Amino acid sequence: MSNLFKRISPQMFDKGAALAQYGGRYLARAGIYTVPEGNTRSRNTIVEFPSYQAALDCYHSAPYQAAKTLRDGACEIDLVIVEGYDGAQPG
């Protein structure tokens, strides 16, 4: 059992409440994936928010930060907040 899962408690999942509070919804969560180029982690999650600001507000919120403290030191993550694109699309 990984160090992370030894530390998981119900509070760890309170970040889900923070995501919902800021309009977040999972687009991908630990599903099957392929890495044709580059590197990745063993678990990948993509969360969509209604705006870039909503994602930032969620990350900095007290509920998310409280859940984050349970993860800190137990695993390595790469968390990137990217502004969406509404411009022209291929085709």
N, C-alpha and C. Protein backbone atom coordinates (compact mmCIF):
# COMPACT_ATOMS: atom_id res chain seq x y z
N MET A 1 0.85 -1.18 0.00
CA MET A 1 0.00 0.00 0.00
C MET A 1 0.89 1.24 0.00
N SER A 2 0.57 2.20 -0.85
CA SER A 2 1.40 3.40 -0.95
C SER A 2 1.22 4.28 0.29
N ASN A 3 2.22 5.12 0.51
CA ASN A 3 2.18 6.05 1.62
C ASN A 3 0.94 6.94 1.56
N LEU A 4 0.54 7.34 0.34
CA LEU A 4 -0.64 8.19 0.19
C LEU A 4 -1.88 7.49 0.73
N PHE A 5 -2.09 6.24 0.34
CA PHE A 5 -3.31 5.56 0.73
C PHE A 5 -3.33 5.22 2.21
N LYS A 6 -2.18 5.17 2.86
CA LYS A 6 -2.14 5.00 4.30
C LYS A 6 -2.67 6.24 5.00
N ARG A 7 -2.54 7.41 4.35
CA ARG A 7 -2.93 8.68 4.97
C ARG A 7 -4.32 9.14 4.56
N ILE A 8 -4.96 8.45 3.64
CA ILE A 8 -6.28 8.90 3.17
C ILE A 8 -7.31 8.81 4.29
N SER A 9 -8.12 9.82 4.36
CA SER A 9 -9.22 9.87 5.31
C SER A 9 -10.39 10.55 4.60
N PRO A 10 -11.55 10.57 5.22
CA PRO A 10 -12.68 11.24 4.56
C PRO A 10 -12.38 12.69 4.20
N GLN A 11 -11.53 13.38 4.98
CA GLN A 11 -11.22 14.77 4.67
C GLN A 11 -10.52 14.91 3.33
N MET A 12 -9.78 13.88 2.92
CA MET A 12 -9.05 13.93 1.65
C MET A 12 -10.04 14.14 0.50
N PHE A 13 -11.21 13.59 0.64
CA PHE A 13 -12.19 13.69 -0.43
C PHE A 13 -13.04 14.94 -0.35
N ASP A 14 -12.80 15.78 0.68
CA ASP A 14 -13.51 17.05 0.77
C ASP A 14 -13.15 17.98 -0.37
N LYS A 15 -12.03 17.71 -1.06
CA LYS A 15 -11.69 18.56 -2.20
C LYS A 15 -12.77 18.45 -3.27
N GLY A 16 -13.48 17.32 -3.31
CA GLY A 16 -14.59 17.18 -4.24
C GLY A 16 -15.66 18.22 -3.98
N ALA A 17 -15.90 18.52 -2.71
CA ALA A 17 -16.87 19.56 -2.36
C ALA A 17 -16.36 20.92 -2.84
N ALA A 18 -15.07 21.16 -2.72
CA ALA A 18 -14.49 22.42 -3.20
C ALA A 18 -14.62 22.51 -4.71
N LEU A 19 -14.36 21.41 -5.41
CA LEU A 19 -14.50 21.42 -6.87
C LEU A 19 -15.93 21.77 -7.26
N ALA A 20 -16.89 21.14 -6.62
CA ALA A 20 -18.30 21.40 -6.94
C ALA A 20 -18.68 22.84 -6.61
N GLN A 21 -18.18 23.35 -5.50
CA GLN A 21 -18.50 24.73 -5.08
C GLN A 21 -18.08 25.75 -6.13
N TYR A 22 -17.00 25.45 -6.86
CA TYR A 22 -16.49 26.38 -7.87
C TYR A 22 -16.86 25.95 -9.30
N GLY A 23 -17.79 25.02 -9.42
CA GLY A 23 -18.29 24.61 -10.73
C GLY A 23 -17.42 23.61 -11.46
N GLY A 24 -16.49 22.96 -10.74
CA GLY A 24 -15.61 21.99 -11.37
C GLY A 24 -16.33 20.68 -11.67
N ARG A 25 -15.91 20.05 -12.75
CA ARG A 25 -16.44 18.72 -13.09
C ARG A 25 -15.32 17.91 -13.71
N TYR A 26 -15.28 16.63 -13.36
CA TYR A 26 -14.24 15.74 -13.87
C TYR A 26 -14.49 15.44 -15.36
N LEU A 27 -13.47 15.63 -16.18
CA LEU A 27 -13.51 15.21 -17.58
C LEU A 27 -12.77 13.89 -17.74
N ALA A 28 -11.76 13.68 -16.93
CA ALA A 28 -11.02 12.41 -16.92
C ALA A 28 -10.53 12.21 -15.49
N ARG A 29 -10.59 10.94 -15.04
CA ARG A 29 -10.16 10.64 -13.67
C ARG A 29 -9.66 9.21 -13.61
N ALA A 30 -8.33 9.07 -13.69
CA ALA A 30 -7.66 7.78 -13.55
C ALA A 30 -8.12 6.74 -14.57
N GLY A 31 -8.49 7.18 -15.75
CA GLY A 31 -8.91 6.24 -16.79
C GLY A 31 -7.73 5.67 -17.56
N ILE A 32 -8.04 4.84 -18.50
CA ILE A 32 -7.02 4.25 -19.36
C ILE A 32 -6.40 5.36 -20.20
N TYR A 33 -5.09 5.32 -20.38
CA TYR A 33 -4.42 6.34 -21.17
C TYR A 33 -3.22 5.75 -21.90
N THR A 34 -2.77 6.46 -22.92
CA THR A 34 -1.59 6.10 -23.70
C THR A 34 -0.69 7.32 -23.75
N VAL A 35 0.61 7.09 -23.69
CA VAL A 35 1.58 8.18 -23.75
C VAL A 35 2.43 7.99 -25.00
N PRO A 36 1.98 8.52 -26.15
CA PRO A 36 2.75 8.35 -27.37
C PRO A 36 4.05 9.15 -27.39
N GLU A 37 4.14 10.19 -26.58
CA GLU A 37 5.36 11.00 -26.49
C GLU A 37 5.47 11.57 -25.09
N GLY A 38 6.67 11.77 -24.61
CA GLY A 38 6.89 12.42 -23.32
C GLY A 38 6.67 11.51 -22.14
N ASN A 39 6.43 12.13 -20.98
CA ASN A 39 6.26 11.41 -19.71
C ASN A 39 4.92 11.76 -19.08
N THR A 40 4.50 10.94 -18.15
CA THR A 40 3.27 11.20 -17.41
C THR A 40 3.36 10.54 -16.05
N ARG A 41 2.40 10.77 -15.23
CA ARG A 41 2.26 10.12 -13.93
C ARG A 41 1.39 8.87 -14.10
N SER A 42 1.31 8.06 -13.06
CA SER A 42 0.52 6.83 -13.15
C SER A 42 -0.98 7.09 -13.01
N ARG A 43 -1.35 8.27 -12.57
CA ARG A 43 -2.76 8.63 -12.43
C ARG A 43 -2.94 10.04 -12.96
N ASN A 44 -3.92 10.24 -13.81
CA ASN A 44 -4.17 11.55 -14.43
C ASN A 44 -5.61 11.97 -14.21
N THR A 45 -5.80 13.23 -13.89
CA THR A 45 -7.14 13.77 -13.68
C THR A 45 -7.24 15.10 -14.42
N ILE A 46 -8.35 15.32 -15.10
CA ILE A 46 -8.62 16.60 -15.75
C ILE A 46 -9.94 17.11 -15.20
N VAL A 47 -9.91 18.33 -14.66
CA VAL A 47 -11.11 18.96 -14.12
C VAL A 47 -11.38 20.23 -14.92
N GLU A 48 -12.62 20.37 -15.38
CA GLU A 48 -13.03 21.57 -16.11
C GLU A 48 -13.77 22.51 -15.17
N PHE A 49 -13.46 23.80 -15.26
CA PHE A 49 -14.15 24.83 -14.49
C PHE A 49 -14.80 25.81 -15.46
N PRO A 50 -15.79 26.55 -15.00
CA PRO A 50 -16.45 27.50 -15.90
C PRO A 50 -15.54 28.64 -16.34
N SER A 51 -14.46 28.88 -15.61
CA SER A 51 -13.52 29.93 -16.00
C SER A 51 -12.16 29.66 -15.37
N TYR A 52 -11.17 30.32 -15.90
CA TYR A 52 -9.81 30.25 -15.35
C TYR A 52 -9.82 30.75 -13.90
N GLN A 53 -10.54 31.84 -13.66
CA GLN A 53 -10.60 32.42 -12.31
C GLN A 53 -11.25 31.45 -11.33
N ALA A 54 -12.29 30.74 -11.76
CA ALA A 54 -12.94 29.76 -10.89
C ALA A 54 -11.96 28.66 -10.48
N ALA A 55 -11.12 28.23 -11.42
CA ALA A 55 -10.11 27.20 -11.10
C ALA A 55 -9.11 27.73 -10.08
N LEU A 56 -8.65 28.96 -10.28
CA LEU A 56 -7.72 29.56 -9.31
C LEU A 56 -8.38 29.72 -7.94
N ASP A 57 -9.62 30.19 -7.93
CA ASP A 57 -10.33 30.37 -6.67
C ASP A 57 -10.51 29.04 -5.95
N CYS A 58 -10.82 28.00 -6.68
CA CYS A 58 -10.97 26.68 -6.09
C CYS A 58 -9.65 26.23 -5.46
N TYR A 59 -8.57 26.34 -6.20
CA TYR A 59 -7.27 25.90 -5.69
C TYR A 59 -6.90 26.64 -4.40
N HIS A 60 -7.18 27.92 -4.34
CA HIS A 60 -6.81 28.73 -3.18
C HIS A 60 -7.85 28.68 -2.06
N SER A 61 -8.96 27.99 -2.26
CA SER A 61 -10.03 27.95 -1.26
C SER A 61 -9.60 27.17 -0.02
N ALA A 62 -10.20 27.52 1.10
CA ALA A 62 -9.89 26.83 2.36
C ALA A 62 -10.20 25.33 2.29
N PRO A 63 -11.35 24.91 1.71
CA PRO A 63 -11.61 23.46 1.66
C PRO A 63 -10.57 22.69 0.83
N TYR A 64 -10.17 23.25 -0.31
CA TYR A 64 -9.18 22.55 -1.14
C TYR A 64 -7.83 22.51 -0.43
N GLN A 65 -7.42 23.62 0.15
CA GLN A 65 -6.12 23.65 0.83
C GLN A 65 -6.10 22.71 2.03
N ALA A 66 -7.21 22.57 2.74
CA ALA A 66 -7.28 21.63 3.86
C ALA A 66 -7.10 20.20 3.38
N ALA A 67 -7.76 19.84 2.28
CA ALA A 67 -7.60 18.50 1.72
C ALA A 67 -6.19 18.31 1.18
N LYS A 68 -5.62 19.35 0.61
CA LYS A 68 -4.27 19.28 0.05
C LYS A 68 -3.23 18.97 1.11
N THR A 69 -3.40 19.47 2.31
CA THR A 69 -2.41 19.21 3.36
C THR A 69 -2.29 17.72 3.66
N LEU A 70 -3.35 16.95 3.44
CA LEU A 70 -3.29 15.51 3.66
C LEU A 70 -2.47 14.82 2.58
N ARG A 71 -2.41 15.40 1.40
CA ARG A 71 -1.66 14.83 0.29
C ARG A 71 -0.20 15.24 0.34
N ASP A 72 0.08 16.44 0.84
CA ASP A 72 1.44 16.97 0.86
C ASP A 72 2.39 16.01 1.57
N GLY A 73 3.50 15.73 0.90
CA GLY A 73 4.51 14.84 1.45
C GLY A 73 4.23 13.36 1.24
N ALA A 74 3.02 13.03 0.78
CA ALA A 74 2.67 11.63 0.58
C ALA A 74 2.84 11.20 -0.88
N CYS A 75 2.86 12.16 -1.79
CA CYS A 75 3.00 11.83 -3.20
C CYS A 75 3.50 13.06 -3.95
N GLU A 76 3.91 12.84 -5.18
CA GLU A 76 4.32 13.93 -6.05
C GLU A 76 3.22 14.15 -7.07
N ILE A 77 2.93 15.41 -7.34
CA ILE A 77 1.93 15.72 -8.37
C ILE A 77 2.45 16.83 -9.26
N ASP A 78 1.86 16.93 -10.42
CA ASP A 78 2.03 18.08 -11.30
C ASP A 78 0.63 18.64 -11.47
N LEU A 79 0.40 19.83 -10.97
CA LEU A 79 -0.90 20.46 -11.08
C LEU A 79 -0.73 21.70 -11.95
N VAL A 80 -1.50 21.76 -13.02
CA VAL A 80 -1.41 22.87 -13.96
C VAL A 80 -2.81 23.42 -14.16
N ILE A 81 -2.94 24.73 -14.02
CA ILE A 81 -4.22 25.39 -14.31
C ILE A 81 -4.03 26.15 -15.62
N VAL A 82 -4.84 25.80 -16.61
CA VAL A 82 -4.68 26.35 -17.96
C VAL A 82 -5.98 27.04 -18.37
N GLU A 83 -5.85 28.24 -18.90
CA GLU A 83 -7.02 28.94 -19.42
C GLU A 83 -7.56 28.21 -20.64
N GLY A 84 -8.87 28.10 -20.73
CA GLY A 84 -9.50 27.44 -21.87
C GLY A 84 -9.33 28.23 -23.16
N TYR A 85 -9.64 27.58 -24.25
CA TYR A 85 -9.50 28.18 -25.59
C TYR A 85 -10.86 28.16 -26.28
N ASP A 86 -11.27 29.32 -26.75
CA ASP A 86 -12.56 29.43 -27.41
C ASP A 86 -12.43 29.86 -28.86
N GLY A 87 -11.22 29.81 -29.40
CA GLY A 87 -10.98 30.28 -30.76
C GLY A 87 -11.32 29.26 -31.83
N ALA A 88 -10.80 29.52 -33.00
CA ALA A 88 -11.04 28.65 -34.17
C ALA A 88 -10.54 27.25 -33.91
N GLN A 89 -11.24 26.29 -34.47
CA GLN A 89 -10.90 24.87 -34.30
C GLN A 89 -10.51 24.29 -35.66
N PRO A 90 -9.76 23.18 -35.64
CA PRO A 90 -9.39 22.52 -36.91
C PRO A 90 -10.63 22.12 -37.70
N GLY A 91 -10.50 22.13 -38.99
CA GLY A 91 -11.58 21.66 -39.86
C GLY A 91 -12.41 22.77 -40.29
